[in-house]
Amino acid sequence: MFTVKIEVNGGLLYARTANRLAGGPGELCLYVTDDGKFIEHNYDAGAPALAVRMLASMENVLSANHTARIARWKRKMARIAEDDNQ
């Protein structure tokens, strides 16, 4: 099992885990991630290369989280402005 985590100020922002299904040293390996995606990775390319491949799948997750966070801030600012106008 291989896990990549990103933490900011002690809070978990993102984590992805992959299990090797097939392959080993000198071979193309097949991994399945915790979200059910498959990744092919040359074992000899090393762990950092696998981490990059796993992190590449987080772009959509972070974009969705970022969009939701912005929407929450907009709602909060609208409530503050509304309270100030009353």
N, C-alpha and C. Protein backbone atom coordinates (compact mmCIF):
# COMPACT_ATOMS: atom_id res chain seq x y z
N MET A 1 0.85 -1.17 0.00
CA MET A 1 0.00 0.00 0.00
C MET A 1 0.90 1.24 0.00
N PHE A 2 0.47 2.26 -0.74
CA PHE A 2 1.23 3.49 -0.88
C PHE A 2 0.25 4.64 -0.64
N THR A 3 0.56 5.54 0.28
CA THR A 3 -0.33 6.65 0.61
C THR A 3 0.38 7.98 0.43
N VAL A 4 -0.32 8.93 -0.17
CA VAL A 4 0.16 10.29 -0.33
C VAL A 4 -0.80 11.19 0.44
N LYS A 5 -0.25 12.04 1.31
CA LYS A 5 -1.08 12.96 2.08
C LYS A 5 -0.57 14.38 1.91
N ILE A 6 -1.51 15.32 1.90
CA ILE A 6 -1.16 16.73 1.94
C ILE A 6 -1.88 17.32 3.15
N GLU A 7 -1.09 17.87 4.05
CA GLU A 7 -1.64 18.51 5.24
C GLU A 7 -1.23 19.97 5.25
N VAL A 8 -2.12 20.82 5.71
CA VAL A 8 -1.83 22.24 5.87
C VAL A 8 -2.17 22.62 7.30
N ASN A 9 -1.19 23.15 8.00
CA ASN A 9 -1.37 23.54 9.40
C ASN A 9 -1.97 22.41 10.25
N GLY A 10 -1.54 21.21 9.99
CA GLY A 10 -1.99 20.07 10.77
C GLY A 10 -3.32 19.50 10.33
N GLY A 11 -3.99 20.13 9.37
CA GLY A 11 -5.27 19.62 8.88
C GLY A 11 -5.09 18.90 7.57
N LEU A 12 -5.72 17.75 7.44
CA LEU A 12 -5.61 16.96 6.22
C LEU A 12 -6.39 17.62 5.10
N LEU A 13 -5.70 17.96 4.03
CA LEU A 13 -6.33 18.57 2.87
C LEU A 13 -6.70 17.51 1.85
N TYR A 14 -5.83 16.51 1.69
CA TYR A 14 -6.04 15.50 0.67
C TYR A 14 -5.24 14.25 1.01
N ALA A 15 -5.81 13.11 0.73
CA ALA A 15 -5.08 11.84 0.89
C ALA A 15 -5.53 10.89 -0.22
N ARG A 16 -4.57 10.14 -0.72
CA ARG A 16 -4.87 9.15 -1.74
C ARG A 16 -4.04 7.91 -1.43
N THR A 17 -4.65 6.76 -1.51
CA THR A 17 -3.98 5.49 -1.25
C THR A 17 -4.10 4.60 -2.48
N ALA A 18 -3.03 3.87 -2.77
CA ALA A 18 -3.04 2.93 -3.90
C ALA A 18 -2.46 1.60 -3.45
N ASN A 19 -3.04 0.55 -3.94
CA ASN A 19 -2.55 -0.81 -3.69
C ASN A 19 -2.05 -1.40 -5.00
N ARG A 20 -0.87 -2.02 -4.94
CA ARG A 20 -0.32 -2.66 -6.14
C ARG A 20 -1.03 -4.00 -6.35
N LEU A 21 -1.56 -4.16 -7.54
CA LEU A 21 -2.26 -5.40 -7.89
C LEU A 21 -1.34 -6.38 -8.60
N ALA A 22 -0.40 -5.84 -9.39
CA ALA A 22 0.48 -6.70 -10.18
C ALA A 22 1.77 -5.97 -10.47
N GLY A 23 2.83 -6.74 -10.68
CA GLY A 23 4.12 -6.17 -11.06
C GLY A 23 5.08 -6.08 -9.89
N GLY A 24 6.32 -5.76 -10.22
CA GLY A 24 7.36 -5.65 -9.22
C GLY A 24 8.58 -4.99 -9.84
N PRO A 25 9.74 -5.11 -9.19
CA PRO A 25 10.95 -4.47 -9.71
C PRO A 25 11.20 -4.84 -11.17
N GLY A 26 11.50 -3.79 -11.98
CA GLY A 26 11.78 -4.00 -13.39
C GLY A 26 10.56 -4.18 -14.26
N GLU A 27 9.37 -4.04 -13.69
CA GLU A 27 8.14 -4.27 -14.45
C GLU A 27 7.21 -3.07 -14.40
N LEU A 28 6.26 -3.06 -15.32
CA LEU A 28 5.17 -2.11 -15.27
C LEU A 28 4.16 -2.65 -14.27
N CYS A 29 3.83 -1.86 -13.27
CA CYS A 29 2.93 -2.31 -12.21
C CYS A 29 1.54 -1.71 -12.40
N LEU A 30 0.56 -2.40 -11.88
CA LEU A 30 -0.81 -1.93 -11.90
C LEU A 30 -1.25 -1.67 -10.47
N TYR A 31 -1.74 -0.46 -10.22
CA TYR A 31 -2.22 -0.06 -8.91
C TYR A 31 -3.69 0.31 -9.01
N VAL A 32 -4.43 0.12 -7.93
CA VAL A 32 -5.80 0.61 -7.83
C VAL A 32 -5.84 1.59 -6.66
N THR A 33 -6.44 2.76 -6.91
CA THR A 33 -6.51 3.78 -5.88
C THR A 33 -7.78 3.61 -5.04
N ASP A 34 -7.82 4.32 -3.93
CA ASP A 34 -8.96 4.20 -3.03
C ASP A 34 -10.27 4.71 -3.65
N ASP A 35 -10.18 5.45 -4.76
CA ASP A 35 -11.41 5.88 -5.43
C ASP A 35 -11.73 4.99 -6.64
N GLY A 36 -11.01 3.86 -6.76
CA GLY A 36 -11.31 2.87 -7.79
C GLY A 36 -10.64 3.08 -9.13
N LYS A 37 -9.76 4.08 -9.24
CA LYS A 37 -9.06 4.31 -10.50
C LYS A 37 -7.83 3.41 -10.58
N PHE A 38 -7.43 3.09 -11.81
CA PHE A 38 -6.25 2.26 -12.02
C PHE A 38 -5.10 3.13 -12.53
N ILE A 39 -3.91 2.85 -12.04
CA ILE A 39 -2.71 3.56 -12.45
C ILE A 39 -1.67 2.53 -12.86
N GLU A 40 -1.07 2.73 -14.04
CA GLU A 40 0.07 1.93 -14.45
C GLU A 40 1.32 2.75 -14.15
N HIS A 41 2.31 2.10 -13.57
CA HIS A 41 3.52 2.80 -13.13
C HIS A 41 4.70 1.85 -13.24
N ASN A 42 5.79 2.33 -13.84
CA ASN A 42 7.01 1.54 -13.91
C ASN A 42 7.65 1.53 -12.53
N TYR A 43 7.76 0.39 -11.94
CA TYR A 43 8.29 0.24 -10.58
C TYR A 43 9.64 0.95 -10.43
N ASP A 44 10.49 0.81 -11.44
CA ASP A 44 11.84 1.37 -11.35
C ASP A 44 11.87 2.90 -11.45
N ALA A 45 10.74 3.53 -11.80
CA ALA A 45 10.67 5.00 -11.84
C ALA A 45 10.64 5.57 -10.43
N GLY A 46 10.30 4.75 -9.45
CA GLY A 46 10.36 5.15 -8.06
C GLY A 46 9.06 5.70 -7.47
N ALA A 47 9.08 5.82 -6.15
CA ALA A 47 7.91 6.27 -5.41
C ALA A 47 7.51 7.71 -5.74
N PRO A 48 8.47 8.65 -5.90
CA PRO A 48 8.04 10.02 -6.22
C PRO A 48 7.23 10.10 -7.51
N ALA A 49 7.61 9.32 -8.52
CA ALA A 49 6.86 9.32 -9.78
C ALA A 49 5.45 8.78 -9.57
N LEU A 50 5.32 7.76 -8.75
CA LEU A 50 3.99 7.23 -8.44
C LEU A 50 3.17 8.27 -7.69
N ALA A 51 3.78 8.96 -6.75
CA ALA A 51 3.08 10.00 -5.98
C ALA A 51 2.56 11.09 -6.92
N VAL A 52 3.36 11.48 -7.90
CA VAL A 52 2.93 12.51 -8.86
C VAL A 52 1.71 12.02 -9.63
N ARG A 53 1.73 10.78 -10.05
CA ARG A 53 0.58 10.23 -10.80
C ARG A 53 -0.67 10.21 -9.93
N MET A 54 -0.49 9.87 -8.65
CA MET A 54 -1.63 9.83 -7.74
C MET A 54 -2.15 11.24 -7.47
N LEU A 55 -1.25 12.18 -7.31
CA LEU A 55 -1.66 13.56 -7.03
C LEU A 55 -2.32 14.22 -8.24
N ALA A 56 -1.97 13.77 -9.43
CA ALA A 56 -2.57 14.32 -10.64
C ALA A 56 -4.09 14.15 -10.63
N SER A 57 -4.56 13.10 -9.97
CA SER A 57 -6.00 12.86 -9.92
C SER A 57 -6.71 13.76 -8.91
N MET A 58 -5.96 14.51 -8.13
CA MET A 58 -6.59 15.35 -7.12
C MET A 58 -7.02 16.71 -7.65
N GLU A 59 -6.60 17.10 -8.85
CA GLU A 59 -6.92 18.43 -9.36
C GLU A 59 -8.41 18.70 -9.32
N ASN A 60 -9.22 17.75 -9.79
CA ASN A 60 -10.67 17.96 -9.79
C ASN A 60 -11.23 18.01 -8.38
N VAL A 61 -10.67 17.22 -7.47
CA VAL A 61 -11.14 17.22 -6.08
C VAL A 61 -10.86 18.57 -5.45
N LEU A 62 -9.64 19.07 -5.61
CA LEU A 62 -9.28 20.35 -5.01
C LEU A 62 -10.05 21.48 -5.66
N SER A 63 -10.27 21.42 -6.97
CA SER A 63 -11.04 22.46 -7.65
C SER A 63 -12.46 22.50 -7.10
N ALA A 64 -13.06 21.34 -6.90
CA ALA A 64 -14.42 21.29 -6.35
C ALA A 64 -14.44 21.83 -4.92
N ASN A 65 -13.44 21.45 -4.11
CA ASN A 65 -13.38 21.96 -2.74
C ASN A 65 -13.16 23.46 -2.73
N HIS A 66 -12.31 23.95 -3.61
CA HIS A 66 -12.02 25.38 -3.68
C HIS A 66 -13.28 26.15 -4.08
N THR A 67 -14.01 25.65 -5.07
CA THR A 67 -15.24 26.29 -5.52
C THR A 67 -16.26 26.34 -4.39
N ALA A 68 -16.39 25.24 -3.65
CA ALA A 68 -17.33 25.20 -2.52
C ALA A 68 -16.91 26.19 -1.44
N ARG A 69 -15.61 26.28 -1.16
CA ARG A 69 -15.11 27.20 -0.14
C ARG A 69 -15.39 28.65 -0.54
N ILE A 70 -15.18 28.98 -1.80
CA ILE A 70 -15.46 30.34 -2.27
C ILE A 70 -16.95 30.65 -2.13
N ALA A 71 -17.79 29.69 -2.48
CA ALA A 71 -19.24 29.90 -2.35
C ALA A 71 -19.62 30.15 -0.89
N ARG A 72 -19.02 29.41 0.05
CA ARG A 72 -19.31 29.63 1.47
C ARG A 72 -18.89 31.03 1.90
N TRP A 73 -17.71 31.46 1.46
CA TRP A 73 -17.24 32.80 1.81
C TRP A 73 -18.16 33.88 1.24
N LYS A 74 -18.63 33.70 0.02
CA LYS A 74 -19.55 34.67 -0.59
C LYS A 74 -20.84 34.76 0.21
N ARG A 75 -21.38 33.61 0.62
CA ARG A 75 -22.60 33.61 1.43
C ARG A 75 -22.36 34.32 2.76
N LYS A 76 -21.22 34.03 3.38
CA LYS A 76 -20.89 34.65 4.66
C LYS A 76 -20.77 36.17 4.51
N MET A 77 -20.08 36.62 3.47
CA MET A 77 -19.91 38.05 3.24
C MET A 77 -21.26 38.72 2.95
N ALA A 78 -22.14 38.03 2.23
CA ALA A 78 -23.47 38.57 1.94
C ALA A 78 -24.27 38.73 3.23
N ARG A 79 -24.17 37.76 4.14
CA ARG A 79 -24.87 37.86 5.43
C ARG A 79 -24.34 39.02 6.24
N ILE A 80 -23.02 39.19 6.24
CA ILE A 80 -22.40 40.31 6.99
C ILE A 80 -22.88 41.64 6.40
N ALA A 81 -22.88 41.75 5.08
CA ALA A 81 -23.33 42.99 4.44
C ALA A 81 -24.79 43.23 4.74
N GLU A 82 -25.59 42.19 4.75
CA GLU A 82 -27.03 42.32 5.05
C GLU A 82 -27.22 42.82 6.48
N ASP A 83 -26.45 42.25 7.42
CA ASP A 83 -26.55 42.67 8.83
C ASP A 83 -26.13 44.13 8.99
N ASP A 84 -25.14 44.55 8.24
CA ASP A 84 -24.67 45.94 8.31
C ASP A 84 -25.71 46.91 7.76
N ASN A 85 -26.53 46.46 6.81
CA ASN A 85 -27.53 47.32 6.19
C ASN A 85 -28.79 47.42 7.02
N GLN A 86 -28.95 46.60 8.03
CA GLN A 86 -30.19 46.63 8.83
C GLN A 86 -30.10 47.58 9.97
